Protein backbone atom coordinates (compact mmCIF):
# COMPACT_ATOMS: atom_id res chain seq x y z
CA UNK A 1 5.04 -19.54 11.09
CA UNK A 2 2.71 -16.49 11.87
CA UNK A 3 4.80 -13.70 13.91
CA UNK A 4 3.00 -11.88 16.54
CA UNK A 5 1.80 -8.30 15.44
CA UNK A 6 2.01 -5.73 17.82
CA UNK A 7 -0.09 -2.52 16.30
CA UNK A 8 2.17 0.76 17.12
CA UNK A 9 0.56 3.85 18.82
CA UNK A 10 -0.32 6.37 16.09
CA UNK A 11 0.87 9.71 16.04
CA UNK A 12 -1.34 12.87 17.06
CA UNK A 13 -0.76 13.88 13.41
CA UNK A 14 -1.42 10.67 11.81
CA UNK A 15 -4.58 10.13 14.33
CA UNK A 16 -6.12 13.56 13.59
CA UNK A 17 -6.30 12.61 9.83
CA UNK A 18 -7.83 9.14 10.64
CA UNK A 19 -10.43 11.26 12.73
CA UNK A 20 -11.07 13.79 9.95
CA UNK A 21 -12.28 10.70 7.31
CA UNK A 22 -16.05 10.00 7.64
CA UNK A 23 -16.69 7.11 10.12
CA UNK A 24 -16.85 4.41 7.23
CA UNK A 25 -13.88 5.51 5.37
CA UNK A 26 -12.34 5.94 8.74
CA UNK A 27 -13.25 2.29 9.51
CA UNK A 28 -12.13 0.77 6.45
CA UNK A 29 -8.57 2.30 6.04
CA UNK A 30 -7.93 1.10 10.10
CA UNK A 31 -8.38 -1.97 8.91
CA UNK A 32 -5.99 -1.71 6.02
CA UNK A 33 -3.57 -0.29 8.43
CA UNK A 34 -3.70 -3.28 10.70
CA UNK A 35 -3.31 -5.42 7.78
CA UNK A 36 0.12 -3.40 6.69
CA UNK A 37 1.67 -3.93 10.06
CA UNK A 38 0.69 -7.41 9.96
CA UNK A 39 2.01 -8.16 6.79
CA UNK A 40 5.17 -5.98 7.50
CA UNK A 41 5.62 -8.39 10.77
CA UNK A 42 5.21 -11.67 8.27
CA UNK A 43 7.19 -10.86 5.51
CA UNK A 44 11.04 -11.69 5.90
CA UNK A 45 13.45 -8.57 5.38
CA UNK A 46 10.67 -6.13 6.07
CA UNK A 47 11.37 -4.99 9.08
CA UNK A 48 9.81 -2.12 11.14
CA UNK A 49 7.83 0.25 9.32
CA UNK A 50 7.58 4.37 9.55
CA UNK A 51 4.18 5.92 9.82
CA UNK A 52 4.06 9.11 8.77
CA UNK A 53 2.03 11.77 6.58
CA UNK A 54 2.73 11.85 2.66
CA UNK A 55 0.42 14.72 1.08
CA UNK A 56 -1.34 15.07 4.03
CA UNK A 57 -2.47 11.04 3.91
CA UNK A 58 -1.43 8.45 6.21
CA UNK A 59 2.23 6.42 4.62
CA UNK A 60 3.83 3.50 5.77
CA UNK A 61 7.44 3.59 4.68
CA UNK A 62 10.58 0.73 4.89
CA UNK A 63 12.88 3.03 5.96
CA UNK A 64 14.79 0.72 8.17
CA UNK A 65 15.58 -2.14 5.71
CA UNK A 66 14.43 0.05 2.29
CA UNK A 67 12.94 -3.15 1.03
CA UNK A 68 9.71 -1.57 -0.33
CA UNK A 69 8.05 1.46 -1.74
CA UNK A 70 5.75 3.86 0.17
CA UNK A 71 2.07 2.52 0.77
CA UNK A 72 -0.56 5.59 1.38
CA UNK A 73 -3.64 5.43 2.41
CA UNK A 74 -6.69 8.21 1.67
CA UNK A 75 -9.60 8.60 -0.56
CA UNK A 76 -9.77 9.12 -4.12
CA UNK A 77 -11.29 12.36 -5.50
CA UNK A 78 -15.09 12.22 -6.70
CA UNK A 79 -15.34 8.69 -5.62
CA UNK A 80 -18.08 8.06 -2.56
CA UNK A 81 -18.09 5.20 -0.92
CA UNK A 82 -14.62 4.32 -1.85
CA UNK A 83 -11.10 4.60 -0.29
CA UNK A 84 -7.89 3.63 -1.87
CA UNK A 85 -4.00 2.24 -1.40
CA UNK A 86 -1.91 4.54 -3.19
CA UNK A 87 1.39 3.13 -4.47
CA UNK A 88 3.96 5.19 -6.35
CA UNK A 89 2.97 5.40 -9.84
CA UNK A 90 6.24 4.99 -11.39
CA UNK A 91 6.24 1.38 -10.12
CA UNK A 92 5.13 -1.91 -11.98
CA UNK A 93 2.94 -2.49 -8.70
CA UNK A 94 -0.74 -1.56 -9.82
CA UNK A 95 -0.11 -3.62 -13.22
CA UNK A 96 1.29 -6.75 -11.45
CA UNK A 97 -1.86 -6.66 -8.97
CA UNK A 98 -4.15 -5.96 -11.95
CA UNK A 99 -2.91 -9.11 -13.58
CA UNK A 100 -2.63 -11.08 -10.62
CA UNK A 101 -5.98 -9.88 -9.20
CA UNK A 102 -8.25 -8.74 -11.96
CA UNK A 103 -11.48 -9.12 -10.27
CA UNK A 104 -10.66 -8.56 -6.66
CA UNK A 105 -10.25 -5.05 -6.95
CA UNK A 106 -10.96 -1.94 -8.88
CA UNK A 107 -8.20 -0.08 -9.83
CA UNK A 108 -7.08 3.42 -10.64
CA UNK A 109 -4.59 3.90 -13.34
CA UNK A 110 -1.20 2.93 -12.24
CA UNK A 111 -1.14 4.67 -8.60
CA UNK A 112 -3.86 2.80 -6.57
CA UNK A 113 -6.58 -0.20 -5.76
CA UNK A 114 -10.00 1.15 -4.71
CA UNK A 115 -12.09 -0.49 -1.94
CA UNK A 116 -15.46 -0.25 -0.90
CA UNK A 117 -16.06 1.18 2.76
CA UNK A 118 -18.40 -1.42 3.03
CA UNK A 119 -18.41 -5.23 2.70
CA UNK A 120 -15.85 -7.68 3.61
CA UNK A 121 -12.12 -6.43 3.19
CA UNK A 122 -10.62 -8.93 0.51
CA UNK A 123 -7.73 -9.71 3.11
CA UNK A 124 -5.92 -12.37 1.44
CA UNK A 125 -5.27 -10.70 -1.91
CA UNK A 126 -4.91 -7.14 -0.23
CA UNK A 127 -2.14 -8.55 2.13
CA UNK A 128 -0.71 -10.28 -1.19
CA UNK A 129 -0.54 -6.99 -3.01
CA UNK A 130 0.78 -5.29 0.61
CA UNK A 131 3.83 -7.67 0.79
CA UNK A 132 4.82 -7.11 -2.90
CA UNK A 133 4.65 -3.13 -2.15
CA UNK A 134 6.80 -3.86 1.11
CA UNK A 135 9.63 -6.16 -0.65
CA UNK A 136 9.31 -3.65 -4.32
CA UNK A 137 12.90 -2.89 -3.89
CA UNK A 138 14.12 -6.51 -3.08
CA UNK A 139 12.68 -7.92 -6.20
CA UNK A 140 15.44 -8.82 -8.78
CA UNK A 141 16.00 -6.45 -12.12
CA UNK A 142 14.95 -9.23 -14.34
CA UNK A 143 10.99 -9.14 -12.63
CA UNK A 144 10.59 -6.06 -13.56
CA UNK A 145 10.41 -4.50 -16.93
CA UNK A 146 12.90 -1.98 -17.51
CA UNK A 147 12.64 1.66 -19.46
CA UNK A 148 14.16 1.67 -22.62
CA UNK A 149 17.46 3.37 -23.07
CA UNK A 150 18.21 5.24 -25.80
CA UNK A 151 21.43 5.32 -26.81
CA UNK A 152 23.16 8.30 -28.88
CA UNK A 153 24.42 7.53 -32.44
CA UNK A 154 28.46 7.04 -32.28
């Protein structure tokens, strides 16, 4: 069942950042913003999102539930015609996105999904990626690779 999604008002600070983007980038990132809120509303346990600025870019946090990692929207350096959905580079999310959707997106290292500012938005795979980010901290420990633990000799 799909829950109704009400898009919250944007703060003046966040709106100013969107307004500074070129028109094609702004429109694409606003589409992604709508999809973030829609996905959060349709994903159990996520709860309300906090919209703020992180590193001068619009960012979406699951502060109320603590269920996910921060999602940021921006423009990657030296990549005209593209915008990005950034996640914490210390997560395994981009590797997971890359393995599940190798052809749907281009990726930037372990930190971002790259999107063209023109053409159709790949909504279904992007919504699935957003859902994974919004629930990242709810994943069972066995689902994510664990860093190696070095033990000191006895």
